C-alpha atoms as a PDB file:
ATOM      1  CA  MET A   1       0.000   0.000   0.000  1.00  0.00           C
ATOM      2  CA  THR A   2       1.363   3.419  -0.971  1.00  0.00           C
ATOM      3  CA  ARG A   3       1.586   5.934   1.863  1.00  0.00           C
ATOM      4  CA  ILE A   4       2.552   9.577   2.206  1.00  0.00           C
ATOM      5  CA  SER A   5       6.177   9.674   3.299  1.00  0.00           C
ATOM      6  CA  GLY A   6       6.692  13.437   3.364  1.00  0.00           C
ATOM      7  CA  VAL A   7       5.122  16.832   2.847  1.00  0.00           C
ATOM      8  CA  ALA A   8       7.002  20.028   2.029  1.00  0.00           C
ATOM      9  CA  LEU A   9       5.423  23.495   2.135  1.00  0.00           C
ATOM     10  CA  VAL A  10       7.363  26.323   0.497  1.00  0.00           C
ATOM     11  CA  PRO A  11       6.119  29.946   0.574  1.00  0.00           C
ATOM     12  CA  LEU A  12       6.483  31.684  -2.806  1.00  0.00           C
ATOM     13  CA  ASN A  13       6.284  35.466  -2.985  1.00  0.00           C
ATOM     14  CA  LEU A  14       6.162  36.436  -6.648  1.00  0.00           C
ATOM     15  CA  ALA A  15       6.310  40.077  -7.703  1.00  0.00           C
ATOM     16  CA  MET A  16       3.795  40.958 -10.402  1.00  0.00           C
ATOM     17  CA  ASN A  17       4.797  42.994 -13.464  1.00  0.00           C
ATOM     18  CA  GLN A  18       1.626  45.041 -13.055  1.00  0.00           C
ATOM     19  CA  PRO A  19      -0.722  45.355 -10.083  1.00  0.00           C
ATOM     20  CA  PHE A  20      -3.811  43.125 -10.069  1.00  0.00           C
ATOM     21  CA  VAL A  21      -6.756  45.348  -9.146  1.00  0.00           C
ATOM     22  CA  THR A  22     -10.271  44.244  -8.152  1.00  0.00           C
ATOM     23  CA  ALA A  23     -13.095  45.730  -6.100  1.00  0.00           C
ATOM     24  CA  HIS A  24     -11.435  44.034  -3.084  1.00  0.00           C
ATOM     25  CA  GLY A  25      -8.157  45.899  -3.466  1.00  0.00           C
ATOM     26  CA  GLU A  26      -4.811  45.853  -5.234  1.00  0.00           C
ATOM     27  CA  LYS A  27      -2.262  43.062  -5.317  1.00  0.00           C
ATOM     28  CA  ARG A  28       1.386  43.678  -6.300  1.00  0.00           C
ATOM     29  CA  THR A  29       2.825  40.410  -4.984  1.00  0.00           C
ATOM     30  CA  SER A  30       1.310  36.966  -5.371  1.00  0.00           C
ATOM     31  CA  ARG A  31       1.759  35.190  -2.017  1.00  0.00           C
ATOM     32  CA  ASN A  32       1.477  31.522  -2.876  1.00  0.00           C
ATOM     33  CA  LEU A  33       2.277  28.237  -1.187  1.00  0.00           C
ATOM     34  CA  LEU A  34       3.986  25.403  -3.077  1.00  0.00           C
ATOM     35  CA  VAL A  35       3.011  21.947  -1.784  1.00  0.00           C
ATOM     36  CA  ALA A  36       5.068  18.821  -2.532  1.00  0.00           C
ATOM     37  CA  ILE A  37       3.810  15.437  -1.345  1.00  0.00           C
ATOM     38  CA  ARG A  38       6.170  12.449  -1.490  1.00  0.00           C
ATOM     39  CA  LEU A  39       4.817   8.918  -1.564  1.00  0.00           C
ATOM     40  CA  SER A  40       6.471   5.787  -0.259  1.00  0.00           C
ATOM     41  CA  ASN A  41       6.829   4.487  -3.834  1.00  0.00           C
ATOM     42  CA  GLY A  42       9.044   7.463  -4.784  1.00  0.00           C
ATOM     43  CA  ILE A  43       6.448   9.519  -6.642  1.00  0.00           C
ATOM     44  CA  THR A  44       6.240  13.225  -5.775  1.00  0.00           C
ATOM     45  CA  GLY A  45       3.183  15.318  -6.577  1.00  0.00           C
ATOM     46  CA  TYR A  46       3.078  19.117  -6.612  1.00  0.00           C
ATOM     47  CA  GLY A  47       0.312  21.612  -5.996  1.00  0.00           C
ATOM     48  CA  GLU A  48      -0.042  25.291  -5.267  1.00  0.00           C
ATOM     49  CA  GLY A  49      -2.315  27.467  -3.194  1.00  0.00           C
ATOM     50  CA  SER A  50      -2.764  31.170  -3.839  1.00  0.00           C
ATOM     51  CA  ALA A  51      -3.898  33.832  -1.405  1.00  0.00           C
ATOM     52  CA  SER A  52      -6.847  35.849  -2.738  1.00  0.00           C
ATOM     53  CA  LEU A  53      -8.068  39.399  -2.285  1.00  0.00           C
ATOM     54  CA  ALA A  54     -11.591  37.969  -2.079  1.00  0.00           C
ATOM     55  CA  TRP A  55     -10.698  35.877   1.009  1.00  0.00           C
ATOM     56  CA  PRO A  56      -8.220  37.954   3.042  1.00  0.00           C
ATOM     57  CA  GLU A  57      -8.155  35.359   5.848  1.00  0.00           C
ATOM     58  CA  GLU A  58      -6.562  32.827   3.451  1.00  0.00           C
ATOM     59  CA  THR A  59      -2.930  33.862   3.926  1.00  0.00           C
ATOM     60  CA  GLN A  60       0.238  31.826   3.413  1.00  0.00           C
ATOM     61  CA  GLU A  61       0.352  31.325   7.154  1.00  0.00           C
ATOM     62  CA  ALA A  62      -3.269  30.143   7.337  1.00  0.00           C
ATOM     63  CA  MET A  63      -2.741  27.726   4.426  1.00  0.00           C
ATOM     64  CA  THR A  64       0.405  26.356   6.087  1.00  0.00           C
ATOM     65  CA  GLN A  65      -1.383  25.792   9.387  1.00  0.00           C
ATOM     66  CA  ALA A  66      -4.333  24.111   7.662  1.00  0.00           C
ATOM     67  CA  LEU A  67      -2.026  21.668   5.928  1.00  0.00           C
END
């Protein structure tokens, strides 16, 4: 049976070339979270979570704690 053997969480702060503007505000840096999950059979899967102006409580820190 394949099992999760490791999880890595890496904060990624990516500067935007132009600000992203919505009714919720302005975003100049994309504050994302890279997720890598290693399985016992050697396979690694990757995912990414992105903080949103629409949900200000979903920060890198909150995503990290939830995972």
